[in-house]
mmCIF file of all heavy atoms, coordinates in Angstrom:
data_MODEL
# 
_entry.id   MODEL 
# 
loop_
_atom_site.group_PDB 
_atom_site.id 
_atom_site.type_symbol 
_atom_site.label_atom_id 
_atom_site.label_alt_id 
_atom_site.label_comp_id 
_atom_site.label_asym_id 
_atom_site.label_entity_id 
_atom_site.label_seq_id 
_atom_site.pdbx_PDB_ins_code 
_atom_site.Cartn_x 
_atom_site.Cartn_y 
_atom_site.Cartn_z 
_atom_site.occupancy 
_atom_site.B_iso_or_equiv 
_atom_site.pdbx_formal_charge 
_atom_site.auth_seq_id 
_atom_site.auth_comp_id 
_atom_site.auth_asym_id 
_atom_site.auth_atom_id 
_atom_site.pdbx_PDB_model_num 
ATOM 1   N N   . GLY A 1 1  ? 93.684 112.337 100.794 1.00 0.00 ? 1  GLY A N   1 
ATOM 2   C CA  . GLY A 1 1  ? 92.583 111.483 100.364 1.00 0.00 ? 1  GLY A CA  1 
ATOM 3   C C   . GLY A 1 1  ? 92.422 110.277 101.264 1.00 0.00 ? 1  GLY A C   1 
ATOM 4   O O   . GLY A 1 1  ? 91.308 109.914 101.658 1.00 0.00 ? 1  GLY A O   1 
ATOM 5   N N   . ALA A 1 2  ? 93.541 109.635 101.622 1.00 0.00 ? 2  ALA A N   1 
ATOM 6   C CA  . ALA A 1 2  ? 93.478 108.471 102.512 1.00 0.00 ? 2  ALA A CA  1 
ATOM 7   C C   . ALA A 1 2  ? 93.002 108.861 103.906 1.00 0.00 ? 2  ALA A C   1 
ATOM 8   O O   . ALA A 1 2  ? 92.262 108.109 104.557 1.00 0.00 ? 2  ALA A O   1 
ATOM 9   C CB  . ALA A 1 2  ? 94.844 107.791 102.585 1.00 0.00 ? 2  ALA A CB  1 
ATOM 10  N N   . LEU A 1 3  ? 93.421 110.034 104.379 1.00 0.00 ? 3  LEU A N   1 
ATOM 11  C CA  . LEU A 1 3  ? 92.944 110.504 105.680 1.00 0.00 ? 3  LEU A CA  1 
ATOM 12  C C   . LEU A 1 3  ? 91.425 110.670 105.675 1.00 0.00 ? 3  LEU A C   1 
ATOM 13  O O   . LEU A 1 3  ? 90.743 110.305 106.643 1.00 0.00 ? 3  LEU A O   1 
ATOM 14  C CB  . LEU A 1 3  ? 93.611 111.833 106.022 1.00 0.00 ? 3  LEU A CB  1 
ATOM 15  C CG  . LEU A 1 3  ? 95.099 111.792 106.383 1.00 0.00 ? 3  LEU A CG  1 
ATOM 16  C CD1 . LEU A 1 3  ? 95.665 113.201 106.471 1.00 0.00 ? 3  LEU A CD1 1 
ATOM 17  C CD2 . LEU A 1 3  ? 95.327 111.042 107.687 1.00 0.00 ? 3  LEU A CD2 1 
ATOM 18  N N   . ALA A 1 4  ? 90.887 111.207 104.587 1.00 0.00 ? 4  ALA A N   1 
ATOM 19  C CA  . ALA A 1 4  ? 89.439 111.381 104.484 1.00 0.00 ? 4  ALA A CA  1 
ATOM 20  C C   . ALA A 1 4  ? 88.723 110.035 104.496 1.00 0.00 ? 4  ALA A C   1 
ATOM 21  O O   . ALA A 1 4  ? 87.654 109.890 105.103 1.00 0.00 ? 4  ALA A O   1 
ATOM 22  C CB  . ALA A 1 4  ? 89.095 112.159 103.217 1.00 0.00 ? 4  ALA A CB  1 
ATOM 23  N N   . VAL A 1 5  ? 89.309 109.050 103.840 1.00 0.00 ? 5  VAL A N   1 
ATOM 24  C CA  . VAL A 1 5  ? 88.701 107.719 103.822 1.00 0.00 ? 5  VAL A CA  1 
ATOM 25  C C   . VAL A 1 5  ? 88.634 107.155 105.246 1.00 0.00 ? 5  VAL A C   1 
ATOM 26  O O   . VAL A 1 5  ? 87.607 106.616 105.678 1.00 0.00 ? 5  VAL A O   1 
ATOM 27  C CB  . VAL A 1 5  ? 89.479 106.782 102.880 1.00 0.00 ? 5  VAL A CB  1 
ATOM 28  C CG1 . VAL A 1 5  ? 88.960 105.354 102.992 1.00 0.00 ? 5  VAL A CG1 1 
ATOM 29  C CG2 . VAL A 1 5  ? 89.371 107.264 101.436 1.00 0.00 ? 5  VAL A CG2 1 
ATOM 30  N N   . HIS A 1 6  ? 89.729 107.284 105.979 1.00 0.00 ? 6  HIS A N   1 
ATOM 31  C CA  . HIS A 1 6  ? 89.715 106.730 107.342 1.00 0.00 ? 6  HIS A CA  1 
ATOM 32  C C   . HIS A 1 6  ? 88.814 107.542 108.270 1.00 0.00 ? 6  HIS A C   1 
ATOM 33  O O   . HIS A 1 6  ? 88.185 106.981 109.180 1.00 0.00 ? 6  HIS A O   1 
ATOM 34  C CB  . HIS A 1 6  ? 91.127 106.662 107.914 1.00 0.00 ? 6  HIS A CB  1 
ATOM 35  C CG  . HIS A 1 6  ? 91.214 105.846 109.172 1.00 0.00 ? 6  HIS A CG  1 
ATOM 36  N ND1 . HIS A 1 6  ? 90.927 104.498 109.197 1.00 0.00 ? 6  HIS A ND1 1 
ATOM 37  C CD2 . HIS A 1 6  ? 91.519 106.190 110.457 1.00 0.00 ? 6  HIS A CD2 1 
ATOM 38  C CE1 . HIS A 1 6  ? 91.064 104.028 110.429 1.00 0.00 ? 6  HIS A CE1 1 
ATOM 39  N NE2 . HIS A 1 6  ? 91.423 105.047 111.222 1.00 0.00 ? 6  HIS A NE2 1 
ATOM 40  N N   . ALA A 1 7  ? 88.755 108.849 108.052 1.00 0.00 ? 7  ALA A N   1 
ATOM 41  C CA  . ALA A 1 7  ? 87.834 109.666 108.847 1.00 0.00 ? 7  ALA A CA  1 
ATOM 42  C C   . ALA A 1 7  ? 86.396 109.212 108.631 1.00 0.00 ? 7  ALA A C   1 
ATOM 43  O O   . ALA A 1 7  ? 85.596 109.166 109.582 1.00 0.00 ? 7  ALA A O   1 
ATOM 44  C CB  . ALA A 1 7  ? 87.998 111.138 108.486 1.00 0.00 ? 7  ALA A CB  1 
ATOM 45  N N   . LEU A 1 8  ? 86.060 108.882 107.399 1.00 0.00 ? 8  LEU A N   1 
ATOM 46  C CA  . LEU A 1 8  ? 84.724 108.343 107.111 1.00 0.00 ? 8  LEU A CA  1 
ATOM 47  C C   . LEU A 1 8  ? 84.515 107.040 107.865 1.00 0.00 ? 8  LEU A C   1 
ATOM 48  O O   . LEU A 1 8  ? 83.447 106.817 108.461 1.00 0.00 ? 8  LEU A O   1 
ATOM 49  C CB  . LEU A 1 8  ? 84.578 108.121 105.604 1.00 0.00 ? 8  LEU A CB  1 
ATOM 50  C CG  . LEU A 1 8  ? 83.304 107.420 105.143 1.00 0.00 ? 8  LEU A CG  1 
ATOM 51  C CD1 . LEU A 1 8  ? 82.075 108.263 105.464 1.00 0.00 ? 8  LEU A CD1 1 
ATOM 52  C CD2 . LEU A 1 8  ? 83.376 107.124 103.641 1.00 0.00 ? 8  LEU A CD2 1 
ATOM 53  N N   . ARG A 1 9  ? 85.518 106.183 107.870 1.00 0.00 ? 9  ARG A N   1 
ATOM 54  C CA  . ARG A 1 9  ? 85.406 104.904 108.581 1.00 0.00 ? 9  ARG A CA  1 
ATOM 55  C C   . ARG A 1 9  ? 85.158 105.122 110.070 1.00 0.00 ? 9  ARG A C   1 
ATOM 56  O O   . ARG A 1 9  ? 84.291 104.488 110.674 1.00 0.00 ? 9  ARG A O   1 
ATOM 57  C CB  . ARG A 1 9  ? 86.670 104.081 108.359 1.00 0.00 ? 9  ARG A CB  1 
ATOM 58  C CG  . ARG A 1 9  ? 86.684 102.735 109.066 1.00 0.00 ? 9  ARG A CG  1 
ATOM 59  C CD  . ARG A 1 9  ? 87.987 101.990 108.775 1.00 0.00 ? 9  ARG A CD  1 
ATOM 60  N NE  . ARG A 1 9  ? 88.050 100.702 109.464 1.00 0.00 ? 9  ARG A NE  1 
ATOM 61  C CZ  . ARG A 1 9  ? 89.085 99.872  109.360 1.00 0.00 ? 9  ARG A CZ  1 
ATOM 62  N NH1 . ARG A 1 9  ? 90.129 100.195 108.606 1.00 0.00 ? 9  ARG A NH1 1 
ATOM 63  N NH2 . ARG A 1 9  ? 89.071 98.718  110.016 1.00 0.00 ? 9  ARG A NH2 1 
ATOM 64  N N   . ARG A 1 10 ? 85.921 106.045 110.666 1.00 0.00 ? 10 ARG A N   1 
ATOM 65  C CA  . ARG A 1 10 ? 85.756 106.303 112.094 1.00 0.00 ? 10 ARG A CA  1 
ATOM 66  C C   . ARG A 1 10 ? 84.394 106.904 112.402 1.00 0.00 ? 10 ARG A C   1 
ATOM 67  O O   . ARG A 1 10 ? 83.817 106.656 113.463 1.00 0.00 ? 10 ARG A O   1 
ATOM 68  C CB  . ARG A 1 10 ? 86.875 107.224 112.578 1.00 0.00 ? 10 ARG A CB  1 
ATOM 69  C CG  . ARG A 1 10 ? 88.239 106.534 112.598 1.00 0.00 ? 10 ARG A CG  1 
ATOM 70  C CD  . ARG A 1 10 ? 89.367 107.463 112.981 1.00 0.00 ? 10 ARG A CD  1 
ATOM 71  N NE  . ARG A 1 10 ? 89.206 108.010 114.325 1.00 0.00 ? 10 ARG A NE  1 
ATOM 72  C CZ  . ARG A 1 10 ? 90.233 108.437 115.076 1.00 0.00 ? 10 ARG A CZ  1 
ATOM 73  N NH1 . ARG A 1 10 ? 91.474 108.328 114.614 1.00 0.00 ? 10 ARG A NH1 1 
ATOM 74  N NH2 . ARG A 1 10 ? 90.017 108.946 116.270 1.00 0.00 ? 10 ARG A NH2 1 
ATOM 75  N N   . ALA A 1 11 ? 83.870 107.679 111.465 1.00 0.00 ? 11 ALA A N   1 
ATOM 76  C CA  . ALA A 1 11 ? 82.593 108.356 111.710 1.00 0.00 ? 11 ALA A CA  1 
ATOM 77  C C   . ALA A 1 11 ? 81.403 107.407 111.620 1.00 0.00 ? 11 ALA A C   1 
ATOM 78  O O   . ALA A 1 11 ? 80.447 107.535 112.394 1.00 0.00 ? 11 ALA A O   1 
ATOM 79  C CB  . ALA A 1 11 ? 82.425 109.506 110.723 1.00 0.00 ? 11 ALA A CB  1 
ATOM 80  N N   . VAL A 1 12 ? 81.442 106.454 110.681 1.00 0.00 ? 12 VAL A N   1 
ATOM 81  C CA  . VAL A 1 12 ? 80.258 105.613 110.449 1.00 0.00 ? 12 VAL A CA  1 
ATOM 82  C C   . VAL A 1 12 ? 80.408 104.213 111.017 1.00 0.00 ? 12 VAL A C   1 
ATOM 83  O O   . VAL A 1 12 ? 79.420 103.466 111.103 1.00 0.00 ? 12 VAL A O   1 
ATOM 84  C CB  . VAL A 1 12 ? 79.916 105.531 108.944 1.00 0.00 ? 12 VAL A CB  1 
ATOM 85  C CG1 . VAL A 1 12 ? 79.710 106.915 108.362 1.00 0.00 ? 12 VAL A CG1 1 
ATOM 86  C CG2 . VAL A 1 12 ? 80.993 104.765 108.160 1.00 0.00 ? 12 VAL A CG2 1 
ATOM 87  N N   . GLY A 1 13 ? 81.625 103.809 111.407 1.00 0.00 ? 13 GLY A N   1 
ATOM 88  C CA  . GLY A 1 13 ? 81.846 102.463 111.918 1.00 0.00 ? 13 GLY A CA  1 
ATOM 89  C C   . GLY A 1 13 ? 82.191 101.482 110.815 1.00 0.00 ? 13 GLY A C   1 
ATOM 90  O O   . GLY A 1 13 ? 81.868 101.695 109.636 1.00 0.00 ? 13 GLY A O   1 
ATOM 91  N N   . ASP A 1 14 ? 82.850 100.389 111.191 1.00 0.00 ? 14 ASP A N   1 
ATOM 92  C CA  . ASP A 1 14 ? 83.354 99.444  110.196 1.00 0.00 ? 14 ASP A CA  1 
ATOM 93  C C   . ASP A 1 14 ? 82.258 98.819  109.345 1.00 0.00 ? 14 ASP A C   1 
ATOM 94  O O   . ASP A 1 14 ? 82.420 98.658  108.127 1.00 0.00 ? 14 ASP A O   1 
ATOM 95  C CB  . ASP A 1 14 ? 84.163 98.340  110.880 1.00 0.00 ? 14 ASP A CB  1 
ATOM 96  C CG  . ASP A 1 14 ? 85.584 98.778  111.186 1.00 0.00 ? 14 ASP A CG  1 
ATOM 97  O OD1 . ASP A 1 14 ? 85.886 99.983  111.052 1.00 0.00 ? 14 ASP A OD1 1 
ATOM 98  O OD2 . ASP A 1 14 ? 86.399 97.910  111.554 1.00 0.00 ? 14 ASP A OD2 1 
ATOM 99  N N   . ASP A 1 15 ? 81.155 98.417  109.945 1.00 0.00 ? 15 ASP A N   1 
ATOM 100 C CA  . ASP A 1 15 ? 80.116 97.739  109.168 1.00 0.00 ? 15 ASP A CA  1 
ATOM 101 C C   . ASP A 1 15 ? 79.595 98.636  108.063 1.00 0.00 ? 15 ASP A C   1 
ATOM 102 O O   . ASP A 1 15 ? 79.507 98.228  106.888 1.00 0.00 ? 15 ASP A O   1 
ATOM 103 C CB  . ASP A 1 15 ? 78.972 97.298  110.075 1.00 0.00 ? 15 ASP A CB  1 
ATOM 104 C CG  . ASP A 1 15 ? 79.346 96.136  110.983 1.00 0.00 ? 15 ASP A CG  1 
ATOM 105 O OD1 . ASP A 1 15 ? 80.405 95.507  110.738 1.00 0.00 ? 15 ASP A OD1 1 
ATOM 106 O OD2 . ASP A 1 15 ? 78.585 95.853  111.933 1.00 0.00 ? 15 ASP A OD2 1 
ATOM 107 N N   . ALA A 1 16 ? 79.229 99.856  108.395 1.00 0.00 ? 16 ALA A N   1 
ATOM 108 C CA  . ALA A 1 16 ? 78.708 100.777 107.392 1.00 0.00 ? 16 ALA A CA  1 
ATOM 109 C C   . ALA A 1 16 ? 79.796 101.159 106.394 1.00 0.00 ? 16 ALA A C   1 
ATOM 110 O O   . ALA A 1 16 ? 79.537 101.263 105.183 1.00 0.00 ? 16 ALA A O   1 
ATOM 111 C CB  . ALA A 1 16 ? 78.135 102.027 108.053 1.00 0.00 ? 16 ALA A CB  1 
ATOM 112 N N   . PHE A 1 17 ? 81.022 101.354 106.890 1.00 0.00 ? 17 PHE A N   1 
ATOM 113 C CA  . PHE A 1 17 ? 82.116 101.768 106.015 1.00 0.00 ? 17 PHE A CA  1 
ATOM 114 C C   . PHE A 1 17 ? 82.369 100.748 104.917 1.00 0.00 ? 17 PHE A C   1 
ATOM 115 O O   . PHE A 1 17 ? 82.402 101.086 103.725 1.00 0.00 ? 17 PHE A O   1 
ATOM 116 C CB  . PHE A 1 17 ? 83.375 101.980 106.844 1.00 0.00 ? 17 PHE A CB  1 
ATOM 117 C CG  . PHE A 1 17 ? 84.609 102.278 106.039 1.00 0.00 ? 17 PHE A CG  1 
ATOM 118 C CD1 . PHE A 1 17 ? 84.794 103.518 105.459 1.00 0.00 ? 17 PHE A CD1 1 
ATOM 119 C CD2 . PHE A 1 17 ? 85.599 101.309 105.876 1.00 0.00 ? 17 PHE A CD2 1 
ATOM 120 C CE1 . PHE A 1 17 ? 85.938 103.797 104.715 1.00 0.00 ? 17 PHE A CE1 1 
ATOM 121 C CE2 . PHE A 1 17 ? 86.744 101.579 105.142 1.00 0.00 ? 17 PHE A CE2 1 
ATOM 122 C CZ  . PHE A 1 17 ? 86.908 102.828 104.561 1.00 0.00 ? 17 PHE A CZ  1 
ATOM 123 N N   . PHE A 1 18 ? 82.552 99.496  105.286 1.00 0.00 ? 18 PHE A N   1 
ATOM 124 C CA  . PHE A 1 18 ? 82.853 98.498  104.262 1.00 0.00 ? 18 PHE A CA  1 
ATOM 125 C C   . PHE A 1 18 ? 81.618 98.181  103.413 1.00 0.00 ? 18 PHE A C   1 
ATOM 126 O O   . PHE A 1 18 ? 81.755 97.797  102.240 1.00 0.00 ? 18 PHE A O   1 
ATOM 127 C CB  . PHE A 1 18 ? 83.455 97.249  104.898 1.00 0.00 ? 18 PHE A CB  1 
ATOM 128 C CG  . PHE A 1 18 ? 84.881 97.466  105.352 1.00 0.00 ? 18 PHE A CG  1 
ATOM 129 C CD1 . PHE A 1 18 ? 85.204 97.537  106.703 1.00 0.00 ? 18 PHE A CD1 1 
ATOM 130 C CD2 . PHE A 1 18 ? 85.893 97.638  104.429 1.00 0.00 ? 18 PHE A CD2 1 
ATOM 131 C CE1 . PHE A 1 18 ? 86.497 97.751  107.123 1.00 0.00 ? 18 PHE A CE1 1 
ATOM 132 C CE2 . PHE A 1 18 ? 87.210 97.863  104.834 1.00 0.00 ? 18 PHE A CE2 1 
ATOM 133 C CZ  . PHE A 1 18 ? 87.519 97.923  106.185 1.00 0.00 ? 18 PHE A CZ  1 
ATOM 134 N N   . SER A 1 19 ? 80.437 98.391  103.943 1.00 0.00 ? 19 SER A N   1 
ATOM 135 C CA  . SER A 1 19 ? 79.234 98.288  103.109 1.00 0.00 ? 19 SER A CA  1 
ATOM 136 C C   . SER A 1 19 ? 79.219 99.384  102.054 1.00 0.00 ? 19 SER A C   1 
ATOM 137 O O   . SER A 1 19 ? 78.835 99.153  100.895 1.00 0.00 ? 19 SER A O   1 
ATOM 138 C CB  . SER A 1 19 ? 77.975 98.384  103.972 1.00 0.00 ? 19 SER A CB  1 
ATOM 139 O OG  . SER A 1 19 ? 77.828 97.241  104.787 1.00 0.00 ? 19 SER A OG  1 
ATOM 140 N N   . ILE A 1 20 ? 79.647 100.584 102.435 1.00 0.00 ? 20 ILE A N   1 
ATOM 141 C CA  . ILE A 1 20 ? 79.746 101.679 101.470 1.00 0.00 ? 20 ILE A CA  1 
ATOM 142 C C   . ILE A 1 20 ? 80.725 101.321 100.359 1.00 0.00 ? 20 ILE A C   1 
ATOM 143 O O   . ILE A 1 20 ? 80.421 101.476 99.164  1.00 0.00 ? 20 ILE A O   1 
ATOM 144 C CB  . ILE A 1 20 ? 80.178 102.981 102.180 1.00 0.00 ? 20 ILE A CB  1 
ATOM 145 C CG1 . ILE A 1 20 ? 79.044 103.512 103.053 1.00 0.00 ? 20 ILE A CG1 1 
ATOM 146 C CG2 . ILE A 1 20 ? 80.594 104.037 101.158 1.00 0.00 ? 20 ILE A CG2 1 
ATOM 147 C CD1 . ILE A 1 20 ? 79.469 104.632 103.985 1.00 0.00 ? 20 ILE A CD1 1 
ATOM 148 N N   . LEU A 1 21 ? 81.902 100.824 100.726 1.00 0.00 ? 21 LEU A N   1 
ATOM 149 C CA  . LEU A 1 21 ? 82.918 100.522 99.710  1.00 0.00 ? 21 LEU A CA  1 
ATOM 150 C C   . LEU A 1 21 ? 82.454 99.417  98.774  1.00 0.00 ? 21 LEU A C   1 
ATOM 151 O O   . LEU A 1 21 ? 82.572 99.529  97.544  1.00 0.00 ? 21 LEU A O   1 
ATOM 152 C CB  . LEU A 1 21 ? 84.238 100.132 100.374 1.00 0.00 ? 21 LEU A CB  1 
ATOM 153 C CG  . LEU A 1 21 ? 84.906 101.167 101.286 1.00 0.00 ? 21 LEU A CG  1 
ATOM 154 C CD1 . LEU A 1 21 ? 86.363 100.788 101.517 1.00 0.00 ? 21 LEU A CD1 1 
ATOM 155 C CD2 . LEU A 1 21 ? 84.812 102.562 100.726 1.00 0.00 ? 21 LEU A CD2 1 
ATOM 156 N N   . ARG A 1 22 ? 81.921 98.341  99.328  1.00 0.00 ? 22 ARG A N   1 
ATOM 157 C CA  . ARG A 1 22 ? 81.499 97.226  98.480  1.00 0.00 ? 22 ARG A CA  1 
ATOM 158 C C   . ARG A 1 22 ? 80.301 97.613  97.620  1.00 0.00 ? 22 ARG A C   1 
ATOM 159 O O   . ARG A 1 22 ? 80.219 97.240  96.436  1.00 0.00 ? 22 ARG A O   1 
ATOM 160 C CB  . ARG A 1 22 ? 81.181 96.003  99.344  1.00 0.00 ? 22 ARG A CB  1 
ATOM 161 C CG  . ARG A 1 22 ? 82.430 95.337  99.925  1.00 0.00 ? 22 ARG A CG  1 
ATOM 162 C CD  . ARG A 1 22 ? 82.096 94.003  100.587 1.00 0.00 ? 22 ARG A CD  1 
ATOM 163 N NE  . ARG A 1 22 ? 81.368 94.204  101.836 1.00 0.00 ? 22 ARG A NE  1 
ATOM 164 C CZ  . ARG A 1 22 ? 81.953 94.271  103.041 1.00 0.00 ? 22 ARG A CZ  1 
ATOM 165 N NH1 . ARG A 1 22 ? 83.269 94.184  103.138 1.00 0.00 ? 22 ARG A NH1 1 
ATOM 166 N NH2 . ARG A 1 22 ? 81.224 94.430  104.125 1.00 0.00 ? 22 ARG A NH2 1 
ATOM 167 N N   . GLY A 1 23 ? 79.375 98.363  98.179  1.00 0.00 ? 23 GLY A N   1 
ATOM 168 C CA  . GLY A 1 23 ? 78.221 98.780  97.398  1.00 0.00 ? 23 GLY A CA  1 
ATOM 169 C C   . GLY A 1 23 ? 78.579 99.768  96.309  1.00 0.00 ? 23 GLY A C   1 
ATOM 170 O O   . GLY A 1 23 ? 78.054 99.707  95.190  1.00 0.00 ? 23 GLY A O   1 
ATOM 171 N N   . TRP A 1 24 ? 79.468 100.698 96.625  1.00 0.00 ? 24 TRP A N   1 
ATOM 172 C CA  . TRP A 1 24 ? 79.906 101.696 95.656  1.00 0.00 ? 24 TRP A CA  1 
ATOM 173 C C   . TRP A 1 24 ? 80.578 101.035 94.448  1.00 0.00 ? 24 TRP A C   1 
ATOM 174 O O   . TRP A 1 24 ? 80.268 101.355 93.305  1.00 0.00 ? 24 TRP A O   1 
ATOM 175 C CB  . TRP A 1 24 ? 80.878 102.657 96.336  1.00 0.00 ? 24 TRP A CB  1 
ATOM 176 C CG  . TRP A 1 24 ? 81.577 103.629 95.432  1.00 0.00 ? 24 TRP A CG  1 
ATOM 177 C CD1 . TRP A 1 24 ? 82.880 103.600 95.049  1.00 0.00 ? 24 TRP A CD1 1 
ATOM 178 C CD2 . TRP A 1 24 ? 81.016 104.805 94.836  1.00 0.00 ? 24 TRP A CD2 1 
ATOM 179 N NE1 . TRP A 1 24 ? 83.177 104.672 94.249  1.00 0.00 ? 24 TRP A NE1 1 
ATOM 180 C CE2 . TRP A 1 24 ? 82.054 105.423 94.099  1.00 0.00 ? 24 TRP A CE2 1 
ATOM 181 C CE3 . TRP A 1 24 ? 79.753 105.382 94.851  1.00 0.00 ? 24 TRP A CE3 1 
ATOM 182 C CZ2 . TRP A 1 24 ? 81.849 106.614 93.385  1.00 0.00 ? 24 TRP A CZ2 1 
ATOM 183 C CZ3 . TRP A 1 24 ? 79.551 106.571 94.134  1.00 0.00 ? 24 TRP A CZ3 1 
ATOM 184 C CH2 . TRP A 1 24 ? 80.588 107.166 93.419  1.00 0.00 ? 24 TRP A CH2 1 
ATOM 185 N N   . THR A 1 25 ? 81.493 100.104 94.696  1.00 0.00 ? 25 THR A N   1 
ATOM 186 C CA  . THR A 1 25 ? 82.192 99.466  93.582  1.00 0.00 ? 25 THR A CA  1 
ATOM 187 C C   . THR A 1 25 ? 81.264 98.559  92.777  1.00 0.00 ? 25 THR A C   1 
ATOM 188 O O   . THR A 1 25 ? 81.522 98.295  91.598  1.00 0.00 ? 25 THR A O   1 
ATOM 189 C CB  . THR A 1 25 ? 83.398 98.660  94.085  1.00 0.00 ? 25 THR A CB  1 
ATOM 190 O OG1 . THR A 1 25 ? 82.961 97.672  95.034  1.00 0.00 ? 25 THR A OG1 1 
ATOM 191 C CG2 . THR A 1 25 ? 84.424 99.573  94.742  1.00 0.00 ? 25 THR A CG2 1 
ATOM 192 N N   . THR A 1 26 ? 80.189 98.096  93.391  1.00 0.00 ? 26 THR A N   1 
ATOM 193 C CA  . THR A 1 26 ? 79.207 97.290  92.659  1.00 0.00 ? 26 THR A CA  1 
ATOM 194 C C   . THR A 1 26 ? 78.276 98.175  91.839  1.00 0.00 ? 26 THR A C   1 
ATOM 195 O O   . THR A 1 26 ? 78.062 97.942  90.642  1.00 0.00 ? 26 THR A O   1 
ATOM 196 C CB  . THR A 1 26 ? 78.371 96.437  93.634  1.00 0.00 ? 26 THR A CB  1 
ATOM 197 O OG1 . THR A 1 26 ? 79.236 95.546  94.328  1.00 0.00 ? 26 THR A OG1 1 
ATOM 198 C CG2 . THR A 1 26 ? 77.310 95.638  92.888  1.00 0.00 ? 26 THR A CG2 1 
ATOM 199 N N   . GLU A 1 27 ? 77.745 99.213  92.458  1.00 0.00 ? 27 GLU A N   1 
ATOM 200 C CA  . GLU A 1 27 ? 76.778 100.069 91.779  1.00 0.00 ? 27 GLU A CA  1 
ATOM 201 C C   . GLU A 1 27 ? 77.399 100.839 90.628  1.00 0.00 ? 27 GLU A C   1 
ATOM 202 O O   . GLU A 1 27 ? 76.770 101.063 89.603  1.00 0.00 ? 27 GLU A O   1 
ATOM 203 C CB  . GLU A 1 27 ? 76.148 101.042 92.781  1.00 0.00 ? 27 GLU A CB  1 
ATOM 204 C CG  . GLU A 1 27 ? 75.059 101.919 92.190  1.00 0.00 ? 27 GLU A CG  1 
ATOM 205 C CD  . GLU A 1 27 ? 74.306 102.699 93.242  1.00 0.00 ? 27 GLU A CD  1 
ATOM 206 O OE1 . GLU A 1 27 ? 73.588 102.071 94.053  1.00 0.00 ? 27 GLU A OE1 1 
ATOM 207 O OE2 . GLU A 1 27 ? 74.421 103.939 93.261  1.00 0.00 ? 27 GLU A OE2 1 
ATOM 208 N N   . ARG A 1 28 ? 78.637 101.254 90.782  1.00 0.00 ? 28 ARG A N   1 
ATOM 209 C CA  . ARG A 1 28 ? 79.299 102.078 89.763  1.00 0.00 ? 28 ARG A CA  1 
ATOM 210 C C   . ARG A 1 28 ? 80.254 101.279 88.870  1.00 0.00 ? 28 ARG A C   1 
ATOM 211 O O   . ARG A 1 28 ? 81.011 101.867 88.090  1.00 0.00 ? 28 ARG A O   1 
ATOM 212 C CB  . ARG A 1 28 ? 80.080 103.193 90.463  1.00 0.00 ? 28 ARG A CB  1 
ATOM 213 C CG  . ARG A 1 28 ? 79.189 104.223 91.133  1.00 0.00 ? 28 ARG A CG  1 
ATOM 214 C CD  . ARG A 1 28 ? 78.599 105.161 90.106  1.00 0.00 ? 28 ARG A CD  1 
ATOM 215 N NE  . ARG A 1 28 ? 77.663 106.099 90.696  1.00 0.00 ? 28 ARG A NE  1 
ATOM 216 C CZ  . ARG A 1 28 ? 77.224 107.195 90.080  1.00 0.00 ? 28 ARG A CZ  1 
ATOM 217 N NH1 . ARG A 1 28 ? 77.654 107.468 88.869  1.00 0.00 ? 28 ARG A NH1 1 
ATOM 218 N NH2 . ARG A 1 28 ? 76.357 107.989 90.669  1.00 0.00 ? 28 ARG A NH2 1 
ATOM 219 N N   . ARG A 1 29 ? 80.222 99.992  88.967  1.00 0.00 ? 29 ARG A N   1 
ATOM 220 C CA  . ARG A 1 29 ? 81.142 99.154  88.190  1.00 0.00 ? 29 ARG A CA  1 
ATOM 221 C C   . ARG A 1 29 ? 81.060 99.481  86.694  1.00 0.00 ? 29 ARG A C   1 
ATOM 222 O O   . ARG A 1 29 ? 79.975 99.660  86.135  1.00 0.00 ? 29 ARG A O   1 
ATOM 223 C CB  . ARG A 1 29 ? 80.803 97.682  88.411  1.00 0.00 ? 29 ARG A CB  1 
ATOM 224 C CG  . ARG A 1 29 ? 81.729 96.717  87.679  1.00 0.00 ? 29 ARG A CG  1 
ATOM 225 C CD  . ARG A 1 29 ? 81.461 95.284  88.095  1.00 0.00 ? 29 ARG A CD  1 
ATOM 226 N NE  . ARG A 1 29 ? 82.314 94.345  87.375  1.00 0.00 ? 29 ARG A NE  1 
ATOM 227 C CZ  . ARG A 1 29 ? 82.477 93.066  87.694  1.00 0.00 ? 29 ARG A CZ  1 
ATOM 228 N NH1 . ARG A 1 29 ? 81.829 92.572  88.741  1.00 0.00 ? 29 ARG A NH1 1 
ATOM 229 N NH2 . ARG A 1 29 ? 83.280 92.292  86.992  1.00 0.00 ? 29 ARG A NH2 1 
ATOM 230 N N   . ASP A 1 30 ? 82.222 99.592  86.068  1.00 0.00 ? 30 ASP A N   1 
ATOM 231 C CA  . ASP A 1 30 ? 82.367 99.853  84.631  1.00 0.00 ? 30 ASP A CA  1 
ATOM 232 C C   . ASP A 1 30 ? 81.946 101.259 84.235  1.00 0.00 ? 30 ASP A C   1 
ATOM 233 O O   . ASP A 1 30 ? 81.838 101.554 83.035  1.00 0.00 ? 30 ASP A O   1 
ATOM 234 C CB  . ASP A 1 30 ? 81.578 98.841  83.789  1.00 0.00 ? 30 ASP A CB  1 
ATOM 235 C CG  . ASP A 1 30 ? 82.115 97.427  83.902  1.00 0.00 ? 30 ASP A CG  1 
ATOM 236 O OD1 . ASP A 1 30 ? 83.304 97.273  84.234  1.00 0.00 ? 30 ASP A OD1 1 
ATOM 237 O OD2 . ASP A 1 30 ? 81.345 96.477  83.673  1.00 0.00 ? 30 ASP A OD2 1 
# 
């Protein structure tokens, strides 16, 4: 699972990757 997360990071770049994480935890909160 962690390997897949980092593969996603390498594929989309840091800016998009951390935008995905922050947006996901905001949109799906609770």
